[in-house]
Amino acid sequence: MIFFIPLHMDINPNIIGIAAGVCTSASMLPQLIKIIKEKKAGDISIPMVLILLTGLSLWIWYGFMKEDWAIIVTNIFSLLVNILMLFFGFKYKDR
């Protein structure tokens, strides 16, 4: 679902950044929940998760450099979710 927000509205950019970060960070939760419930992770691409973890780590570093807490917090959450994906990916890979 796409929401259209008129560009002329006075909206705090931090609100947009936090909302975007929450949405992208939470995007992997359904996949993680499915893996944990089914105890099966044969379709998970380990290299993709490793590349994603690298990118998220760089975003966190960038957030600290810019002192932008929206970037830092949302990417730390996403990093933790994806570390769990990697853990369960290895744990349930052959099931």
Protein backbone atom coordinates (compact mmCIF):
# COMPACT_ATOMS: atom_id res chain seq x y z
CA MET A 1 0.00 0.00 0.00
CA ILE A 2 1.42 3.37 -0.98
CA PHE A 3 0.48 6.54 0.83
CA PHE A 4 0.69 9.85 -0.97
CA ILE A 5 1.58 12.80 1.24
CA PRO A 6 1.40 16.25 -0.29
CA LEU A 7 4.91 17.69 -0.42
CA HIS A 8 3.75 21.10 0.77
CA MET A 9 2.81 19.81 4.24
CA ASP A 10 4.96 20.77 7.20
CA ILE A 11 6.16 17.37 8.37
CA ASN A 12 9.18 16.85 10.56
CA PRO A 13 11.75 14.94 8.46
CA ASN A 14 12.65 12.87 11.54
CA ILE A 15 9.10 11.47 11.61
CA ILE A 16 9.46 10.38 7.98
CA GLY A 17 12.89 8.88 8.70
CA ILE A 18 11.65 6.95 11.72
CA ALA A 19 8.56 5.69 9.86
CA ALA A 20 10.71 4.57 6.92
CA GLY A 21 13.19 2.90 9.24
CA VAL A 22 10.48 1.06 11.17
CA CYS A 23 8.90 -0.23 7.94
CA THR A 24 12.15 -1.43 6.41
CA SER A 25 13.42 -2.85 9.71
CA ALA A 26 10.21 -4.77 10.32
CA SER A 27 10.08 -6.12 6.76
CA MET A 28 12.11 -9.23 7.66
CA LEU A 29 10.08 -10.09 10.77
CA PRO A 30 7.47 -12.20 8.90
CA GLN A 31 10.27 -14.26 7.32
CA LEU A 32 12.02 -14.70 10.66
CA ILE A 33 8.78 -15.77 12.35
CA LYS A 34 8.10 -18.26 9.54
CA ILE A 35 11.57 -19.80 9.90
CA ILE A 36 11.22 -20.13 13.66
CA LYS A 37 7.71 -21.64 13.43
CA GLU A 38 8.53 -24.12 10.66
CA LYS A 39 12.09 -24.83 11.84
CA LYS A 40 13.08 -24.79 8.19
CA ALA A 41 15.35 -22.31 6.40
CA GLY A 42 16.34 -24.00 3.17
CA ASP A 43 15.37 -21.00 1.06
CA ILE A 44 17.45 -18.45 2.94
CA SER A 45 20.39 -17.08 0.99
CA ILE A 46 23.22 -16.85 3.52
CA PRO A 47 25.39 -14.63 1.23
CA MET A 48 22.46 -12.20 0.83
CA VAL A 49 22.04 -11.95 4.60
CA LEU A 50 25.79 -11.40 5.06
CA ILE A 51 25.78 -8.60 2.47
CA LEU A 52 22.72 -7.08 4.15
CA LEU A 53 24.43 -7.24 7.57
CA THR A 54 27.43 -5.43 6.11
CA GLY A 55 25.20 -2.71 4.66
CA LEU A 56 23.26 -2.32 7.91
CA SER A 57 26.52 -2.02 9.86
CA LEU A 58 27.65 0.72 7.50
CA TRP A 59 24.31 2.53 7.93
CA ILE A 60 24.78 2.41 11.71
CA TRP A 61 28.29 3.80 11.36
CA TYR A 62 26.96 6.52 9.04
CA GLY A 63 24.20 7.32 11.56
CA PHE A 64 26.78 7.81 14.30
CA MET A 65 28.85 10.02 12.01
CA LYS A 66 25.78 12.16 11.26
CA GLU A 67 24.48 11.88 14.85
CA ASP A 68 21.14 10.76 13.43
CA TRP A 69 19.33 8.60 15.97
CA ALA A 70 16.59 7.59 13.53
CA ILE A 71 19.21 5.96 11.30
CA ILE A 72 21.08 4.43 14.23
CA VAL A 73 18.13 2.91 16.10
CA THR A 74 16.20 1.55 13.15
CA ASN A 75 19.29 -0.01 11.59
CA ILE A 76 20.39 -1.56 14.90
CA PHE A 77 16.94 -3.16 15.13
CA SER A 78 17.21 -4.38 11.54
CA LEU A 79 20.74 -5.67 12.20
CA LEU A 80 19.49 -7.70 15.18
CA VAL A 81 16.58 -9.16 13.18
CA ASN A 82 18.95 -10.16 10.38
CA ILE A 83 21.51 -11.64 12.79
CA LEU A 84 18.66 -13.83 14.06
CA MET A 85 17.85 -14.73 10.43
CA LEU A 86 21.47 -15.77 9.92
CA PHE A 87 21.51 -17.77 13.17
CA PHE A 88 18.30 -19.63 12.36
CA GLY A 89 19.39 -19.95 8.73
CA PHE A 90 22.38 -21.99 9.87
CA LYS A 91 20.44 -23.82 12.58
CA TYR A 92 17.60 -24.98 10.30
CA LYS A 93 19.40 -25.00 6.91
CA ASP A 94 19.24 -28.76 6.30
CA ARG A 95 15.71 -29.41 7.51
